[in-house]
Amino acid sequence: MATKVKRKPESANGASSKVEAVKTVPSGAIHHERVPIGPLSLDRVLALRINKSAVERRAATLGTRRSVKKEWQAAWLLRAITLMDLTTLSGDDTAGNVQRLCAKARNPVRQDILDALGVAHLGITTGAVCVYHAHVATAVNELRGTNIPVAAVSTGFPAGLSPLEQRLEEVRASVEAGAREIDIVISRGLVLRGEWEKLYDEIVAFRKACGEAHMKTILGVGELATLTNIARASEVAMQAGSDFIKTSTGKEASNATLPVGLVMCRQIREFKEATGHDVGFKPAGGIRTAKQALEWMFLMKEELGDAYLKPDMFRFGASTLLTDIERQLEHHVTGRYAAAYRHPMP
C-alpha cells in the first residue's frame, strides 16, 4: 500500500516539520460524535469470516513498509505521548502512586528535552490517566485545571464475572466520581458460546450506565480463541454503541498484537462504511517500546487514516511505554541512551 520512506518521511499528520507534527493535537478528552446505540444486525455479525494467514502476512509488513528517522521519528514519538492512556492497574496501587502518575501525565517529558526539541510551548500531555474505580476521585483531583480526562476500568475488571447489577453500579459510581471515560469488559464466555444477543444487551446496558462518559469496550482478545470471534465481538460492540473498542485488559496471556489490531481496524472501517459512524480504537497490553508504538501508529495511518493519529480516535493503554519513548527522545537530543531510572515512572 505505502512505500518505505528512508529520507524525510511523513510526520504524523503529513506536516513538514517536527513542531507541526504535534502542535495541532488536542490533549485530553474524546471529542468525536458519540456512536449511537443501533439495532443488532446478526446477519452482519455471522457473515464475518477472517483469513488468519492473510492477516498475519499483512501485519508482518508493518515494521518494514514505513520508516521514520531523526527529527521525524522524534515528532512521531511526541505524538505517541499524546495518544497514551497512562495507566496503573496494580493491586498495590495507593493514592501516592496515582498522584505521581497524574504528575507524570501533566509533564510526561523532562523539561530539558522539550527545550532542546523546541516544543516546550506546546503543553504536551498524555491523552488520559486510567485507574481503578477506587482511585478515580484522587486522579480527578490531581488533574483539576487540565484537560486530561480520567478513565476508569469498570464492570468487574479484568474478568467481568461479577453480577450484572454490580457491574452497572460500578460504572455509575465511577461516572459520579468524575471519570469522563469508562473502560468496560465484556463477558468473554458470551463470545465463545456465540450468544451475540446477550452480549449486545450487556454492552447496551453498560453504555446507558455511562451516561455522558465515553465508553471503551475491552474485548479481552487473548481469551476469544479466533480472529473470527474477535471480528464478530468488535461488530457487536460497535452496534451496541461503543465509542472505542479496545483489545485487552493487559491481564491476559496474550494482549495487543498487530494481527488482532488489523482485524479490529478493518471492522472499524467497515462499520464506518455501513453506518457513517466513527469508532475509536485502543490497543492495550504488551506495548512497551517506542518501536512498537510506531508500528501501531503506522497501522492506524495505513488502515484508518490520519484522523486515527489523534487522541479522540486512538489511544495506547500504556504504563512502561513512556519511559522508552523518553529514552529515545533523549538519544535524539544527546546522541546517548540514558538509563531508565533517569525517566522514572510512579
C-alpha atoms as a PDB file:
ATOM      1  CA  MET A   1       0.000   0.000   0.000  1.00  0.00           C
ATOM      2  CA  ALA A   2       2.699   2.506   1.050  1.00  0.00           C
ATOM      3  CA  THR A   3       6.346   2.543   0.036  1.00  0.00           C
ATOM      4  CA  LYS A   4       9.127   2.597   2.566  1.00  0.00           C
ATOM      5  CA  VAL A   5      10.494   6.090   3.079  1.00  0.00           C
ATOM      6  CA  LYS A   6      14.050   6.482   4.266  1.00  0.00           C
ATOM      7  CA  ARG A   7      14.523  10.232   3.993  1.00  0.00           C
ATOM      8  CA  LYS A   8      12.073  12.863   5.123  1.00  0.00           C
ATOM      9  CA  PRO A   9       9.104  10.560   5.563  1.00  0.00           C
ATOM     10  CA  GLU A  10       5.762  11.984   6.539  1.00  0.00           C
ATOM     11  CA  SER A  11       5.284  13.328  10.008  1.00  0.00           C
ATOM     12  CA  ALA A  12       2.315  12.047  11.941  1.00  0.00           C
ATOM     13  CA  ASN A  13      -0.155  14.393  10.252  1.00  0.00           C
ATOM     14  CA  GLY A  14       1.622  14.886   6.942  1.00  0.00           C
ATOM     15  CA  ALA A  15       3.236  18.154   8.073  1.00  0.00           C
ATOM     16  CA  SER A  16       6.737  19.175   7.127  1.00  0.00           C
ATOM     17  CA  SER A  17       8.305  19.968  10.494  1.00  0.00           C
ATOM     18  CA  LYS A  18       8.721  18.277  13.837  1.00  0.00           C
ATOM     19  CA  VAL A  19       6.743  21.017  15.599  1.00  0.00           C
ATOM     20  CA  GLU A  20       3.864  20.854  13.119  1.00  0.00           C
ATOM     21  CA  ALA A  21       3.575  17.140  13.797  1.00  0.00           C
ATOM     22  CA  VAL A  22       2.216  17.725  17.279  1.00  0.00           C
ATOM     23  CA  LYS A  23       1.045  21.300  17.617  1.00  0.00           C
ATOM     24  CA  THR A  24      -2.492  20.726  16.359  1.00  0.00           C
ATOM     25  CA  VAL A  25      -3.129  17.659  18.535  1.00  0.00           C
ATOM     26  CA  PRO A  26      -5.788  18.298  21.188  1.00  0.00           C
ATOM     27  CA  SER A  27      -4.711  16.894  24.529  1.00  0.00           C
ATOM     28  CA  GLY A  28      -7.295  15.146  26.616  1.00  0.00           C
ATOM     29  CA  ALA A  29     -10.900  14.195  26.198  1.00  0.00           C
ATOM     30  CA  ILE A  30     -12.556  12.373  23.340  1.00  0.00           C
ATOM     31  CA  HIS A  31     -14.246  14.866  21.021  1.00  0.00           C
ATOM     32  CA  HIS A  32     -15.748  12.787  18.234  1.00  0.00           C
ATOM     33  CA  GLU A  33     -19.504  12.413  17.946  1.00  0.00           C
ATOM     34  CA  ARG A  34     -20.984   9.703  20.153  1.00  0.00           C
ATOM     35  CA  VAL A  35     -21.680   6.372  18.493  1.00  0.00           C
ATOM     36  CA  PRO A  36     -25.438   5.753  18.794  1.00  0.00           C
ATOM     37  CA  ILE A  37     -26.880   2.509  20.114  1.00  0.00           C
ATOM     38  CA  GLY A  38     -28.047   0.776  16.969  1.00  0.00           C
ATOM     39  CA  PRO A  39     -30.111  -2.328  16.341  1.00  0.00           C
ATOM     40  CA  LEU A  40     -28.321  -5.662  16.449  1.00  0.00           C
ATOM     41  CA  SER A  41     -27.718  -6.965  12.914  1.00  0.00           C
ATOM     42  CA  LEU A  42     -26.983 -10.643  13.399  1.00  0.00           C
ATOM     43  CA  ASP A  43     -26.679 -11.189   9.670  1.00  0.00           C
ATOM     44  CA  ARG A  44     -23.730  -8.824   9.530  1.00  0.00           C
ATOM     45  CA  VAL A  45     -22.144 -10.426  12.589  1.00  0.00           C
ATOM     46  CA  LEU A  46     -22.486 -14.030  11.426  1.00  0.00           C
ATOM     47  CA  ALA A  47     -21.294 -13.244   7.908  1.00  0.00           C
ATOM     48  CA  LEU A  48     -17.841 -12.337   9.203  1.00  0.00           C
ATOM     49  CA  ARG A  49     -15.005 -14.773   8.435  1.00  0.00           C
ATOM     50  CA  ILE A  50     -11.326 -13.955   8.920  1.00  0.00           C
ATOM     51  CA  ASN A  51      -8.463 -15.450   6.900  1.00  0.00           C
ATOM     52  CA  LYS A  52      -5.782 -15.814   9.579  1.00  0.00           C
ATOM     53  CA  SER A  53      -2.833 -16.392   7.239  1.00  0.00           C
ATOM     54  CA  ALA A  54      -3.694 -13.325   5.148  1.00  0.00           C
ATOM     55  CA  VAL A  55      -3.998 -11.174   8.269  1.00  0.00           C
ATOM     56  CA  GLU A  56      -0.650 -12.375   9.599  1.00  0.00           C
ATOM     57  CA  ARG A  57       1.087 -11.713   6.255  1.00  0.00           C
ATOM     58  CA  ARG A  58      -0.263  -8.162   6.158  1.00  0.00           C
ATOM     59  CA  ALA A  59       0.626  -7.463   9.790  1.00  0.00           C
ATOM     60  CA  ALA A  60       4.185  -8.718   9.276  1.00  0.00           C
ATOM     61  CA  THR A  61       4.845  -5.920   6.763  1.00  0.00           C
ATOM     62  CA  LEU A  62       4.017  -3.023   9.084  1.00  0.00           C
ATOM     63  CA  GLY A  63       7.521  -2.707  10.503  1.00  0.00           C
ATOM     64  CA  THR A  64       9.148  -2.863   7.071  1.00  0.00           C
ATOM     65  CA  ARG A  65       6.896  -0.793   4.795  1.00  0.00           C
ATOM     66  CA  ARG A  66       7.357   2.544   6.519  1.00  0.00           C
ATOM     67  CA  SER A  67      10.284   4.132   8.353  1.00  0.00           C
ATOM     68  CA  VAL A  68      10.769   7.385  10.240  1.00  0.00           C
ATOM     69  CA  LYS A  69      14.182   8.665  11.312  1.00  0.00           C
ATOM     70  CA  LYS A  70      15.832  11.529  13.164  1.00  0.00           C
ATOM     71  CA  GLU A  71      13.602  14.576  13.775  1.00  0.00           C
ATOM     72  CA  TRP A  72      10.711  12.870  12.051  1.00  0.00           C
ATOM     73  CA  GLN A  73      10.878   9.982  14.486  1.00  0.00           C
ATOM     74  CA  ALA A  74      11.018  12.448  17.379  1.00  0.00           C
ATOM     75  CA  ALA A  75       7.856  14.096  16.056  1.00  0.00           C
ATOM     76  CA  TRP A  76       6.006  10.783  15.805  1.00  0.00           C
ATOM     77  CA  LEU A  77       7.102   9.853  19.329  1.00  0.00           C
ATOM     78  CA  LEU A  78       5.898  13.164  20.721  1.00  0.00           C
ATOM     79  CA  ARG A  79       2.593  12.455  19.043  1.00  0.00           C
ATOM     80  CA  ALA A  80       2.567   8.976  20.603  1.00  0.00           C
ATOM     81  CA  ILE A  81       2.757  10.533  24.078  1.00  0.00           C
ATOM     82  CA  THR A  82      -0.447  12.478  23.409  1.00  0.00           C
ATOM     83  CA  LEU A  83      -2.141   9.184  22.497  1.00  0.00           C
ATOM     84  CA  MET A  84      -1.408   7.414  25.789  1.00  0.00           C
ATOM     85  CA  ASP A  85      -3.861   6.405  28.451  1.00  0.00           C
ATOM     86  CA  LEU A  86      -1.199   6.446  31.151  1.00  0.00           C
ATOM     87  CA  THR A  87      -2.244   3.530  33.310  1.00  0.00           C
ATOM     88  CA  THR A  88      -1.769   1.975  36.723  1.00  0.00           C
ATOM     89  CA  LEU A  89      -3.847  -1.120  37.444  1.00  0.00           C
ATOM     90  CA  SER A  90      -1.901  -2.922  40.156  1.00  0.00           C
ATOM     91  CA  GLY A  91      -3.280  -4.480  43.280  1.00  0.00           C
ATOM     92  CA  ASP A  92      -0.864  -2.419  45.376  1.00  0.00           C
ATOM     93  CA  ASP A  93      -1.848   0.959  43.912  1.00  0.00           C
ATOM     94  CA  THR A  94      -2.010   3.712  46.505  1.00  0.00           C
ATOM     95  CA  ALA A  95      -3.155   7.319  46.437  1.00  0.00           C
ATOM     96  CA  GLY A  96       0.515   8.328  46.292  1.00  0.00           C
ATOM     97  CA  ASN A  97       1.122   6.206  43.193  1.00  0.00           C
ATOM     98  CA  VAL A  98      -1.863   7.758  41.471  1.00  0.00           C
ATOM     99  CA  GLN A  99      -0.775  11.285  42.395  1.00  0.00           C
ATOM    100  CA  ARG A 100       2.664  10.655  40.909  1.00  0.00           C
ATOM    101  CA  LEU A 101       1.102   9.132  37.782  1.00  0.00           C
ATOM    102  CA  CYS A 102      -1.038  12.234  37.316  1.00  0.00           C
ATOM    103  CA  ALA A 103       2.018  14.473  37.732  1.00  0.00           C
ATOM    104  CA  LYS A 104       3.717  12.433  35.001  1.00  0.00           C
ATOM    105  CA  ALA A 105       0.642  12.745  32.766  1.00  0.00           C
ATOM    106  CA  ARG A 106       0.775  16.541  33.102  1.00  0.00           C
ATOM    107  CA  ASN A 107       4.534  16.672  32.393  1.00  0.00           C
ATOM    108  CA  PRO A 108       5.435  13.466  30.565  1.00  0.00           C
ATOM    109  CA  VAL A 109       8.844  14.561  29.216  1.00  0.00           C
ATOM    110  CA  ARG A 110      11.724  16.214  31.049  1.00  0.00           C
ATOM    111  CA  GLN A 111      11.844  19.968  30.501  1.00  0.00           C
ATOM    112  CA  ASP A 112      15.427  19.985  29.167  1.00  0.00           C
ATOM    113  CA  ILE A 113      14.453  17.511  26.437  1.00  0.00           C
ATOM    114  CA  LEU A 114      11.401  19.569  25.449  1.00  0.00           C
ATOM    115  CA  ASP A 115      13.567  22.712  25.335  1.00  0.00           C
ATOM    116  CA  ALA A 116      16.153  21.012  23.119  1.00  0.00           C
ATOM    117  CA  LEU A 117      13.417  19.811  20.753  1.00  0.00           C
ATOM    118  CA  GLY A 118      11.859  23.269  20.589  1.00  0.00           C
ATOM    119  CA  VAL A 119       8.418  22.056  21.694  1.00  0.00           C
ATOM    120  CA  ALA A 120       8.235  23.226  25.314  1.00  0.00           C
ATOM    121  CA  HIS A 121       5.500  25.726  24.435  1.00  0.00           C
ATOM    122  CA  LEU A 122       3.140  23.039  23.123  1.00  0.00           C
ATOM    123  CA  GLY A 123       1.979  21.827  26.521  1.00  0.00           C
ATOM    124  CA  ILE A 124       2.245  18.141  25.622  1.00  0.00           C
ATOM    125  CA  THR A 125       0.372  15.820  27.978  1.00  0.00           C
ATOM    126  CA  THR A 126      -0.804  12.235  27.840  1.00  0.00           C
ATOM    127  CA  GLY A 127      -4.268  11.514  26.455  1.00  0.00           C
ATOM    128  CA  ALA A 128      -5.752  10.323  29.760  1.00  0.00           C
ATOM    129  CA  VAL A 129      -4.990   8.679  33.081  1.00  0.00           C
ATOM    130  CA  CYS A 130      -6.521   5.230  33.607  1.00  0.00           C
ATOM    131  CA  VAL A 131      -7.105   3.825  37.110  1.00  0.00           C
ATOM    132  CA  TYR A 132      -9.354   1.539  39.110  1.00  0.00           C
ATOM    133  CA  HIS A 133     -12.608   2.997  40.421  1.00  0.00           C
ATOM    134  CA  ALA A 134     -11.169   3.301  43.940  1.00  0.00           C
ATOM    135  CA  HIS A 135      -8.670   5.897  42.679  1.00  0.00           C
ATOM    136  CA  VAL A 136     -10.916   7.926  40.367  1.00  0.00           C
ATOM    137  CA  ALA A 137     -11.553  10.706  42.887  1.00  0.00           C
ATOM    138  CA  THR A 138      -7.830  11.060  43.624  1.00  0.00           C
ATOM    139  CA  ALA A 139      -6.968  11.263  39.919  1.00  0.00           C
ATOM    140  CA  VAL A 140      -9.766  13.744  39.195  1.00  0.00           C
ATOM    141  CA  ASN A 141      -8.499  15.994  41.992  1.00  0.00           C
ATOM    142  CA  GLU A 142      -4.885  15.792  40.816  1.00  0.00           C
ATOM    143  CA  LEU A 143      -5.824  16.637  37.207  1.00  0.00           C
ATOM    144  CA  ARG A 144      -8.121  19.523  38.083  1.00  0.00           C
ATOM    145  CA  GLY A 145      -7.407  22.521  35.866  1.00  0.00           C
ATOM    146  CA  THR A 146      -6.129  20.377  32.982  1.00  0.00           C
ATOM    147  CA  ASN A 147      -7.958  18.854  30.030  1.00  0.00           C
ATOM    148  CA  ILE A 148      -6.646  15.366  30.849  1.00  0.00           C
ATOM    149  CA  PRO A 149      -9.608  13.051  31.453  1.00  0.00           C
ATOM    150  CA  VAL A 150      -9.716  10.226  33.967  1.00  0.00           C
ATOM    151  CA  ALA A 151     -10.618   6.809  32.570  1.00  0.00           C
ATOM    152  CA  ALA A 152     -11.904   4.169  34.989  1.00  0.00           C
ATOM    153  CA  VAL A 153     -11.783   0.428  34.408  1.00  0.00           C
ATOM    154  CA  SER A 154     -15.133  -0.925  35.476  1.00  0.00           C
ATOM    155  CA  THR A 155     -17.591  -3.838  35.228  1.00  0.00           C
ATOM    156  CA  GLY A 156     -15.610  -6.275  37.334  1.00  0.00           C
ATOM    157  CA  PHE A 157     -12.287  -5.659  35.588  1.00  0.00           C
ATOM    158  CA  PRO A 158     -10.442  -7.734  34.463  1.00  0.00           C
ATOM    159  CA  ALA A 159     -12.624 -10.871  34.319  1.00  0.00           C
ATOM    160  CA  GLY A 160     -16.045  -9.237  34.139  1.00  0.00           C
ATOM    161  CA  LEU A 161     -17.694 -12.087  36.034  1.00  0.00           C
ATOM    162  CA  SER A 162     -19.421 -10.263  38.900  1.00  0.00           C
ATOM    163  CA  PRO A 163     -23.230  -9.932  38.817  1.00  0.00           C
ATOM    164  CA  LEU A 164     -24.510  -7.564  36.129  1.00  0.00           C
ATOM    165  CA  GLU A 165     -26.129  -5.098  38.536  1.00  0.00           C
ATOM    166  CA  GLN A 166     -22.882  -4.781  40.497  1.00  0.00           C
ATOM    167  CA  ARG A 167     -21.008  -4.061  37.294  1.00  0.00           C
ATOM    168  CA  LEU A 168     -23.547  -1.429  36.269  1.00  0.00           C
ATOM    169  CA  GLU A 169     -23.378   0.205  39.683  1.00  0.00           C
ATOM    170  CA  GLU A 170     -19.596   0.388  39.418  1.00  0.00           C
ATOM    171  CA  VAL A 171     -19.923   2.218  36.099  1.00  0.00           C
ATOM    172  CA  ARG A 172     -22.404   4.699  37.559  1.00  0.00           C
ATOM    173  CA  ALA A 173     -20.223   5.238  40.635  1.00  0.00           C
ATOM    174  CA  SER A 174     -17.120   5.963  38.502  1.00  0.00           C
ATOM    175  CA  VAL A 175     -19.038   8.487  36.403  1.00  0.00           C
ATOM    176  CA  GLU A 176     -20.359  10.163  39.554  1.00  0.00           C
ATOM    177  CA  ALA A 177     -16.797  10.344  40.913  1.00  0.00           C
ATOM    178  CA  GLY A 178     -15.719  12.287  37.838  1.00  0.00           C
ATOM    179  CA  ALA A 179     -14.492   9.707  35.313  1.00  0.00           C
ATOM    180  CA  ARG A 180     -15.063  11.023  31.800  1.00  0.00           C
ATOM    181  CA  GLU A 181     -14.199   7.721  30.129  1.00  0.00           C
ATOM    182  CA  ILE A 182     -15.173   4.207  31.188  1.00  0.00           C
ATOM    183  CA  ASP A 183     -13.283   1.097  30.058  1.00  0.00           C
ATOM    184  CA  ILE A 184     -15.738  -1.791  30.382  1.00  0.00           C
ATOM    185  CA  VAL A 185     -15.014  -5.515  29.975  1.00  0.00           C
ATOM    186  CA  ILE A 186     -17.304  -7.947  28.224  1.00  0.00           C
ATOM    187  CA  SER A 187     -18.213 -11.450  29.391  1.00  0.00           C
ATOM    188  CA  ARG A 188     -15.908 -13.446  27.133  1.00  0.00           C
ATOM    189  CA  GLY A 189     -17.983 -16.602  27.604  1.00  0.00           C
ATOM    190  CA  LEU A 190     -20.805 -14.983  25.632  1.00  0.00           C
ATOM    191  CA  VAL A 191     -18.482 -14.724  22.637  1.00  0.00           C
ATOM    192  CA  LEU A 192     -17.168 -18.258  22.973  1.00  0.00           C
ATOM    193  CA  ARG A 193     -20.734 -19.609  23.101  1.00  0.00           C
ATOM    194  CA  GLY A 194     -21.903 -17.394  20.251  1.00  0.00           C
ATOM    195  CA  GLU A 195     -24.527 -15.686  22.430  1.00  0.00           C
ATOM    196  CA  TRP A 196     -24.450 -12.461  20.436  1.00  0.00           C
ATOM    197  CA  GLU A 197     -27.851 -11.152  21.555  1.00  0.00           C
ATOM    198  CA  LYS A 198     -26.845 -11.448  25.228  1.00  0.00           C
ATOM    199  CA  LEU A 199     -23.511  -9.789  24.517  1.00  0.00           C
ATOM    200  CA  TYR A 200     -25.278  -6.933  22.720  1.00  0.00           C
ATOM    201  CA  ASP A 201     -27.740  -6.467  25.602  1.00  0.00           C
ATOM    202  CA  GLU A 202     -24.917  -6.431  28.141  1.00  0.00           C
ATOM    203  CA  ILE A 203     -22.937  -3.768  26.276  1.00  0.00           C
ATOM    204  CA  VAL A 204     -26.049  -1.644  25.709  1.00  0.00           C
ATOM    205  CA  ALA A 205     -26.699  -1.724  29.466  1.00  0.00           C
ATOM    206  CA  PHE A 206     -23.131  -0.569  30.135  1.00  0.00           C
ATOM    207  CA  ARG A 207     -23.428   2.208  27.551  1.00  0.00           C
ATOM    208  CA  LYS A 208     -26.616   3.517  29.170  1.00  0.00           C
ATOM    209  CA  ALA A 209     -24.966   3.415  32.597  1.00  0.00           C
ATOM    210  CA  CYS A 210     -22.063   5.501  31.243  1.00  0.00           C
ATOM    211  CA  GLY A 211     -24.335   8.446  30.503  1.00  0.00           C
ATOM    212  CA  GLU A 212     -22.209  11.251  29.072  1.00  0.00           C
ATOM    213  CA  ALA A 213     -18.926   9.435  29.738  1.00  0.00           C
ATOM    214  CA  HIS A 214     -17.384   7.850  26.651  1.00  0.00           C
ATOM    215  CA  MET A 215     -17.242   4.067  26.724  1.00  0.00           C
ATOM    216  CA  LYS A 216     -14.320   1.892  25.624  1.00  0.00           C
ATOM    217  CA  THR A 217     -15.269  -1.778  25.276  1.00  0.00           C
ATOM    218  CA  ILE A 218     -12.491  -4.231  26.157  1.00  0.00           C
ATOM    219  CA  LEU A 219     -12.811  -7.486  24.235  1.00  0.00           C
ATOM    220  CA  GLY A 220     -10.105  -9.493  26.034  1.00  0.00           C
ATOM    221  CA  VAL A 221      -8.838 -10.782  22.693  1.00  0.00           C
ATOM    222  CA  GLY A 222      -6.399 -13.271  24.230  1.00  0.00           C
ATOM    223  CA  GLU A 223      -9.389 -15.245  25.528  1.00  0.00           C
ATOM    224  CA  LEU A 224     -11.593 -15.163  22.405  1.00  0.00           C
ATOM    225  CA  ALA A 225      -9.886 -18.106  20.662  1.00  0.00           C
ATOM    226  CA  THR A 226     -10.107 -16.980  16.992  1.00  0.00           C
ATOM    227  CA  LEU A 227      -9.757 -13.891  14.833  1.00  0.00           C
ATOM    228  CA  THR A 228     -13.293 -14.501  13.578  1.00  0.00           C
ATOM    229  CA  ASN A 229     -14.584 -14.274  17.156  1.00  0.00           C
ATOM    230  CA  ILE A 230     -12.642 -11.043  17.596  1.00  0.00           C
ATOM    231  CA  ALA A 231     -14.168  -9.567  14.437  1.00  0.00           C
ATOM    232  CA  ARG A 232     -17.678 -10.591  15.485  1.00  0.00           C
ATOM    233  CA  ALA A 233     -17.268  -9.261  19.041  1.00  0.00           C
ATOM    234  CA  SER A 234     -15.953  -5.980  17.603  1.00  0.00           C
ATOM    235  CA  GLU A 235     -19.013  -5.676  15.370  1.00  0.00           C
ATOM    236  CA  VAL A 236     -21.463  -6.363  18.212  1.00  0.00           C
ATOM    237  CA  ALA A 237     -19.677  -3.875  20.476  1.00  0.00           C
ATOM    238  CA  MET A 238     -19.925  -1.140  17.851  1.00  0.00           C
ATOM    239  CA  GLN A 239     -23.586  -1.877  17.105  1.00  0.00           C
ATOM    240  CA  ALA A 240     -24.235  -1.568  20.859  1.00  0.00           C
ATOM    241  CA  GLY A 241     -22.842   1.985  20.933  1.00  0.00           C
ATOM    242  CA  SER A 242     -19.194   1.605  21.956  1.00  0.00           C
ATOM    243  CA  ASP A 243     -17.238   4.824  21.419  1.00  0.00           C
ATOM    244  CA  PHE A 244     -13.981   2.826  21.322  1.00  0.00           C
ATOM    245  CA  ILE A 245     -13.159  -0.830  21.002  1.00  0.00           C
ATOM    246  CA  LYS A 246     -10.122  -1.976  22.977  1.00  0.00           C
ATOM    247  CA  THR A 247      -8.047  -5.119  22.607  1.00  0.00           C
ATOM    248  CA  SER A 248      -7.252  -6.266  26.117  1.00  0.00           C
ATOM    249  CA  THR A 249      -7.204  -5.752  29.842  1.00  0.00           C
ATOM    250  CA  GLY A 250      -3.446  -6.283  29.889  1.00  0.00           C
ATOM    251  CA  LYS A 251      -4.004  -9.206  32.255  1.00  0.00           C
ATOM    252  CA  GLU A 252      -4.453 -11.947  29.634  1.00  0.00           C
ATOM    253  CA  ALA A 253      -1.641 -14.227  28.461  1.00  0.00           C
ATOM    254  CA  SER A 254      -1.882 -12.637  25.001  1.00  0.00           C
ATOM    255  CA  ASN A 255      -2.829  -8.978  24.639  1.00  0.00           C
ATOM    256  CA  ALA A 256      -2.444  -6.416  21.865  1.00  0.00           C
ATOM    257  CA  THR A 257      -0.849  -7.880  18.732  1.00  0.00           C
ATOM    258  CA  LEU A 258      -0.712  -6.385  15.257  1.00  0.00           C
ATOM    259  CA  PRO A 259      -2.801  -9.161  13.625  1.00  0.00           C
ATOM    260  CA  VAL A 260      -5.553  -8.584  16.188  1.00  0.00           C
ATOM    261  CA  GLY A 261      -5.248  -4.828  15.676  1.00  0.00           C
ATOM    262  CA  LEU A 262      -5.557  -5.238  11.919  1.00  0.00           C
ATOM    263  CA  VAL A 263      -8.761  -7.254  12.279  1.00  0.00           C
ATOM    264  CA  MET A 264     -10.291  -4.719  14.649  1.00  0.00           C
ATOM    265  CA  CYS A 265      -9.277  -1.767  12.470  1.00  0.00           C
ATOM    266  CA  ARG A 266     -10.822  -3.387   9.405  1.00  0.00           C
ATOM    267  CA  GLN A 267     -14.061  -3.848  11.369  1.00  0.00           C
ATOM    268  CA  ILE A 268     -13.997  -0.179  12.370  1.00  0.00           C
ATOM    269  CA  ARG A 269     -13.584   0.765   8.717  1.00  0.00           C
ATOM    270  CA  GLU A 270     -16.410  -1.495   7.596  1.00  0.00           C
ATOM    271  CA  PHE A 271     -18.669  -0.201  10.362  1.00  0.00           C
ATOM    272  CA  LYS A 272     -17.975   3.370   9.202  1.00  0.00           C
ATOM    273  CA  GLU A 273     -18.852   2.410   5.627  1.00  0.00           C
ATOM    274  CA  ALA A 274     -22.075   0.713   6.744  1.00  0.00           C
ATOM    275  CA  THR A 275     -23.316   3.267   9.282  1.00  0.00           C
ATOM    276  CA  GLY A 276     -21.366   6.505   8.823  1.00  0.00           C
ATOM    277  CA  HIS A 277     -20.201   6.431  12.456  1.00  0.00           C
ATOM    278  CA  ASP A 278     -16.589   6.677  13.623  1.00  0.00           C
ATOM    279  CA  VAL A 279     -15.431   4.320  16.381  1.00  0.00           C
ATOM    280  CA  GLY A 280     -12.130   4.790  18.183  1.00  0.00           C
ATOM    281  CA  PHE A 281      -9.508   2.112  18.803  1.00  0.00           C
ATOM    282  CA  LYS A 282      -7.310   1.323  21.811  1.00  0.00           C
ATOM    283  CA  PRO A 283      -4.652  -1.405  21.864  1.00  0.00           C
ATOM    284  CA  ALA A 284      -3.528  -2.270  25.386  1.00  0.00           C
ATOM    285  CA  GLY A 285      -1.181  -4.765  26.979  1.00  0.00           C
ATOM    286  CA  GLY A 286       2.362  -5.558  25.901  1.00  0.00           C
ATOM    287  CA  ILE A 287       3.139  -2.270  24.115  1.00  0.00           C
ATOM    288  CA  ARG A 288       6.363  -1.355  25.884  1.00  0.00           C
ATOM    289  CA  THR A 289       8.784   0.124  23.325  1.00  0.00           C
ATOM    290  CA  ALA A 290       8.894   3.144  21.067  1.00  0.00           C
ATOM    291  CA  LYS A 291       9.351   0.828  18.086  1.00  0.00           C
ATOM    292  CA  GLN A 292       6.114  -0.987  18.914  1.00  0.00           C
ATOM    293  CA  ALA A 293       4.283   2.325  19.317  1.00  0.00           C
ATOM    294  CA  LEU A 294       5.436   3.437  15.882  1.00  0.00           C
ATOM    295  CA  GLU A 295       4.248   0.176  14.325  1.00  0.00           C
ATOM    296  CA  TRP A 296       0.778   0.704  15.811  1.00  0.00           C
ATOM    297  CA  MET A 297       0.732   4.265  14.519  1.00  0.00           C
ATOM    298  CA  PHE A 298       1.729   3.047  11.056  1.00  0.00           C
ATOM    299  CA  LEU A 299      -1.182   0.598  11.218  1.00  0.00           C
ATOM    300  CA  MET A 300      -3.580   3.423  12.084  1.00  0.00           C
ATOM    301  CA  LYS A 301      -2.315   5.653   9.295  1.00  0.00           C
ATOM    302  CA  GLU A 302      -2.436   2.971   6.635  1.00  0.00           C
ATOM    303  CA  GLU A 303      -5.754   1.356   7.603  1.00  0.00           C
ATOM    304  CA  LEU A 304      -7.814   4.237   9.021  1.00  0.00           C
ATOM    305  CA  GLY A 305      -6.061   7.458   8.025  1.00  0.00           C
ATOM    306  CA  ASP A 306      -4.593  10.488   9.769  1.00  0.00           C
ATOM    307  CA  ALA A 307      -7.699  11.050  11.913  1.00  0.00           C
ATOM    308  CA  TYR A 308      -6.617   7.978  13.879  1.00  0.00           C
ATOM    309  CA  LEU A 309      -3.373   9.648  14.896  1.00  0.00           C
ATOM    310  CA  LYS A 310      -5.238  11.902  17.318  1.00  0.00           C
ATOM    311  CA  PRO A 311      -6.295  11.111  20.885  1.00  0.00           C
ATOM    312  CA  ASP A 312     -10.027  11.381  20.318  1.00  0.00           C
ATOM    313  CA  MET A 313      -9.828   8.393  17.934  1.00  0.00           C
ATOM    314  CA  PHE A 314      -6.801   6.380  19.057  1.00  0.00           C
ATOM    315  CA  ARG A 315      -5.213   5.595  22.416  1.00  0.00           C
ATOM    316  CA  PHE A 316      -2.486   3.330  23.724  1.00  0.00           C
ATOM    317  CA  GLY A 317      -3.090   1.597  27.029  1.00  0.00           C
ATOM    318  CA  ALA A 318       0.395   2.031  28.455  1.00  0.00           C
ATOM    319  CA  SER A 319       2.401   2.091  31.648  1.00  0.00           C
ATOM    320  CA  THR A 320       6.077   1.436  30.814  1.00  0.00           C
ATOM    321  CA  LEU A 321       5.928   2.690  27.196  1.00  0.00           C
ATOM    322  CA  LEU A 322       6.502   6.306  28.191  1.00  0.00           C
ATOM    323  CA  THR A 323       9.891   5.505  29.720  1.00  0.00           C
ATOM    324  CA  ASP A 324      11.232   4.055  26.466  1.00  0.00           C
ATOM    325  CA  ILE A 325       9.869   6.953  24.418  1.00  0.00           C
ATOM    326  CA  GLU A 326      11.593   9.423  26.736  1.00  0.00           C
ATOM    327  CA  ARG A 327      14.854   7.500  26.349  1.00  0.00           C
ATOM    328  CA  GLN A 328      14.533   7.635  22.562  1.00  0.00           C
ATOM    329  CA  LEU A 329      13.863  11.379  22.654  1.00  0.00           C
ATOM    330  CA  GLU A 330      16.885  11.950  24.889  1.00  0.00           C
ATOM    331  CA  HIS A 331      19.006   9.911  22.482  1.00  0.00           C
ATOM    332  CA  HIS A 332      17.793  12.109  19.629  1.00  0.00           C
ATOM    333  CA  VAL A 333      18.878  15.209  21.565  1.00  0.00           C
ATOM    334  CA  THR A 334      22.184  13.996  23.066  1.00  0.00           C
ATOM    335  CA  GLY A 335      23.241  11.009  20.973  1.00  0.00           C
ATOM    336  CA  ARG A 336      23.324   8.835  24.095  1.00  0.00           C
ATOM    337  CA  TYR A 337      20.866   6.402  25.661  1.00  0.00           C
ATOM    338  CA  ALA A 338      20.112   7.193  29.281  1.00  0.00           C
ATOM    339  CA  ALA A 339      19.440   4.654  31.974  1.00  0.00           C
ATOM    340  CA  ALA A 340      15.747   4.043  32.527  1.00  0.00           C
ATOM    341  CA  TYR A 341      15.914   5.473  36.065  1.00  0.00           C
ATOM    342  CA  ARG A 342      16.530   8.919  34.560  1.00  0.00           C
ATOM    343  CA  HIS A 343      12.917   8.811  33.351  1.00  0.00           C
ATOM    344  CA  PRO A 344      11.149   7.274  36.337  1.00  0.00           C
ATOM    345  CA  MET A 345       7.517   6.252  36.399  1.00  0.00           C
ATOM    346  CA  PRO A 346       5.492   6.148  39.629  1.00  0.00           C
END
